[in-house]
Amino acid sequence: MKPLGMKPLAPKSSAMKRSHFSVAMIAASLVAAGLLLTACGSSSTVHNRLVPPEQSAADLKRALDAGIISQDEYQEEMEKLRDGN
């Protein structure tokens, strides 16, 4: 005996399967993007040895003058540049 008001479940349509696949692909893409972006927050510093120190100093001065970095940041970076770090 079948309970009143209950209908048998219909098989999933192909559109519904595609929808679930799309949601799964979007979720997987977001997870992959998140994992890739976590590497961007690493604390290691890359030093470009191809740029002469004079050019780096001029770039820092331009950044200071443009307001991109503060006076403290400028002084800190200039000390690193002088120390060769």
C-alpha atoms as a PDB file:
ATOM      1  CA  MET A   1       0.000   0.000   0.000  1.00  0.00           C
ATOM      2  CA  LYS A   2       1.348   3.405  -1.067  1.00  0.00           C
ATOM      3  CA  PRO A   3       1.085   6.388   1.342  1.00  0.00           C
ATOM      4  CA  LEU A   4      -1.268   9.120   0.188  1.00  0.00           C
ATOM      5  CA  GLY A   5       0.280  12.089  -1.592  1.00  0.00           C
ATOM      6  CA  MET A   6       3.579  10.318  -2.273  1.00  0.00           C
ATOM      7  CA  LYS A   7       4.698  10.088  -5.867  1.00  0.00           C
ATOM      8  CA  PRO A   8       7.403   7.738  -7.061  1.00  0.00           C
ATOM      9  CA  LEU A   9      10.736   9.423  -7.699  1.00  0.00           C
ATOM     10  CA  ALA A  10      11.370  10.154 -11.349  1.00  0.00           C
ATOM     11  CA  PRO A  11      14.770   9.371 -12.818  1.00  0.00           C
ATOM     12  CA  LYS A  12      17.096  12.386 -13.076  1.00  0.00           C
ATOM     13  CA  SER A  13      16.924  14.185 -16.373  1.00  0.00           C
ATOM     14  CA  SER A  14      20.054  14.854 -18.417  1.00  0.00           C
ATOM     15  CA  ALA A  15      19.626  18.601 -17.795  1.00  0.00           C
ATOM     16  CA  MET A  16      19.656  17.973 -14.059  1.00  0.00           C
ATOM     17  CA  LYS A  17      22.786  15.811 -14.384  1.00  0.00           C
ATOM     18  CA  ARG A  18      24.498  18.568 -16.400  1.00  0.00           C
ATOM     19  CA  SER A  19      23.516  21.112 -13.755  1.00  0.00           C
ATOM     20  CA  HIS A  20      25.081  19.004 -10.998  1.00  0.00           C
ATOM     21  CA  PHE A  21      28.196  18.530 -13.139  1.00  0.00           C
ATOM     22  CA  SER A  22      28.450  22.298 -13.694  1.00  0.00           C
ATOM     23  CA  VAL A  23      28.139  23.006  -9.981  1.00  0.00           C
ATOM     24  CA  ALA A  24      30.813  20.409  -9.250  1.00  0.00           C
ATOM     25  CA  MET A  25      33.146  21.901 -11.870  1.00  0.00           C
ATOM     26  CA  ILE A  26      32.672  25.416 -10.495  1.00  0.00           C
ATOM     27  CA  ALA A  27      33.351  24.207  -6.961  1.00  0.00           C
ATOM     28  CA  ALA A  28      36.486  22.349  -8.082  1.00  0.00           C
ATOM     29  CA  SER A  29      37.684  25.430  -9.968  1.00  0.00           C
ATOM     30  CA  LEU A  30      37.211  27.629  -6.898  1.00  0.00           C
ATOM     31  CA  VAL A  31      39.118  25.187  -4.708  1.00  0.00           C
ATOM     32  CA  ALA A  32      41.960  25.005  -7.244  1.00  0.00           C
ATOM     33  CA  ALA A  33      42.103  28.802  -7.511  1.00  0.00           C
ATOM     34  CA  GLY A  34      42.179  29.108  -3.733  1.00  0.00           C
ATOM     35  CA  LEU A  35      45.047  26.651  -3.477  1.00  0.00           C
ATOM     36  CA  LEU A  36      47.011  28.487  -6.146  1.00  0.00           C
ATOM     37  CA  LEU A  37      46.437  31.865  -4.517  1.00  0.00           C
ATOM     38  CA  THR A  38      47.656  30.710  -1.121  1.00  0.00           C
ATOM     39  CA  ALA A  39      51.149  30.525  -2.601  1.00  0.00           C
ATOM     40  CA  CYS A  40      50.922  34.259  -3.339  1.00  0.00           C
ATOM     41  CA  GLY A  41      50.909  35.005   0.360  1.00  0.00           C
ATOM     42  CA  SER A  42      54.244  33.393   1.067  1.00  0.00           C
ATOM     43  CA  SER A  43      56.776  35.382   3.008  1.00  0.00           C
ATOM     44  CA  SER A  44      59.776  34.677   0.792  1.00  0.00           C
ATOM     45  CA  THR A  45      61.281  37.626  -1.042  1.00  0.00           C
ATOM     46  CA  VAL A  46      62.544  37.482  -4.587  1.00  0.00           C
ATOM     47  CA  HIS A  47      65.545  39.649  -5.377  1.00  0.00           C
ATOM     48  CA  ASN A  48      65.970  40.773  -8.951  1.00  0.00           C
ATOM     49  CA  ARG A  49      69.693  40.699  -9.602  1.00  0.00           C
ATOM     50  CA  LEU A  50      69.235  42.087 -13.123  1.00  0.00           C
ATOM     51  CA  VAL A  51      68.284  45.576 -11.935  1.00  0.00           C
ATOM     52  CA  PRO A  52      71.275  47.656 -10.850  1.00  0.00           C
ATOM     53  CA  PRO A  53      71.099  49.097  -7.320  1.00  0.00           C
ATOM     54  CA  GLU A  54      71.043  52.617  -8.749  1.00  0.00           C
ATOM     55  CA  GLN A  55      67.890  51.792 -10.718  1.00  0.00           C
ATOM     56  CA  SER A  56      66.268  50.221  -7.653  1.00  0.00           C
ATOM     57  CA  ALA A  57      67.074  53.349  -5.625  1.00  0.00           C
ATOM     58  CA  ALA A  58      65.550  55.569  -8.324  1.00  0.00           C
ATOM     59  CA  ASP A  59      62.439  53.341  -8.447  1.00  0.00           C
ATOM     60  CA  LEU A  60      62.063  53.564  -4.675  1.00  0.00           C
ATOM     61  CA  LYS A  61      62.381  57.365  -4.810  1.00  0.00           C
ATOM     62  CA  ARG A  62      59.677  57.549  -7.498  1.00  0.00           C
ATOM     63  CA  ALA A  63      57.418  55.317  -5.385  1.00  0.00           C
ATOM     64  CA  LEU A  64      57.986  57.578  -2.377  1.00  0.00           C
ATOM     65  CA  ASP A  65      57.310  60.731  -4.398  1.00  0.00           C
ATOM     66  CA  ALA A  66      54.123  59.186  -5.841  1.00  0.00           C
ATOM     67  CA  GLY A  67      52.881  58.283  -2.355  1.00  0.00           C
ATOM     68  CA  ILE A  68      52.953  54.552  -3.049  1.00  0.00           C
ATOM     69  CA  ILE A  69      55.259  53.878  -0.106  1.00  0.00           C
ATOM     70  CA  SER A  70      55.772  55.745   3.161  1.00  0.00           C
ATOM     71  CA  GLN A  71      58.981  57.439   4.295  1.00  0.00           C
ATOM     72  CA  ASP A  72      59.564  54.587   6.749  1.00  0.00           C
ATOM     73  CA  GLU A  73      59.139  51.980   4.019  1.00  0.00           C
ATOM     74  CA  TYR A  74      61.478  53.959   1.759  1.00  0.00           C
ATOM     75  CA  GLN A  75      64.181  54.110   4.427  1.00  0.00           C
ATOM     76  CA  GLU A  76      63.791  50.416   5.241  1.00  0.00           C
ATOM     77  CA  GLU A  77      64.079  49.397   1.582  1.00  0.00           C
ATOM     78  CA  MET A  78      67.058  51.712   1.023  1.00  0.00           C
ATOM     79  CA  GLU A  79      68.839  50.100   3.988  1.00  0.00           C
ATOM     80  CA  LYS A  80      68.166  46.665   2.502  1.00  0.00           C
ATOM     81  CA  LEU A  81      69.487  47.885  -0.829  1.00  0.00           C
ATOM     82  CA  ARG A  82      72.658  49.251   0.762  1.00  0.00           C
ATOM     83  CA  ASP A  83      73.169  46.029   2.741  1.00  0.00           C
ATOM     84  CA  GLY A  84      72.697  43.948  -0.394  1.00  0.00           C
ATOM     85  CA  ASN A  85      69.618  42.134   0.914  1.00  0.00           C
END
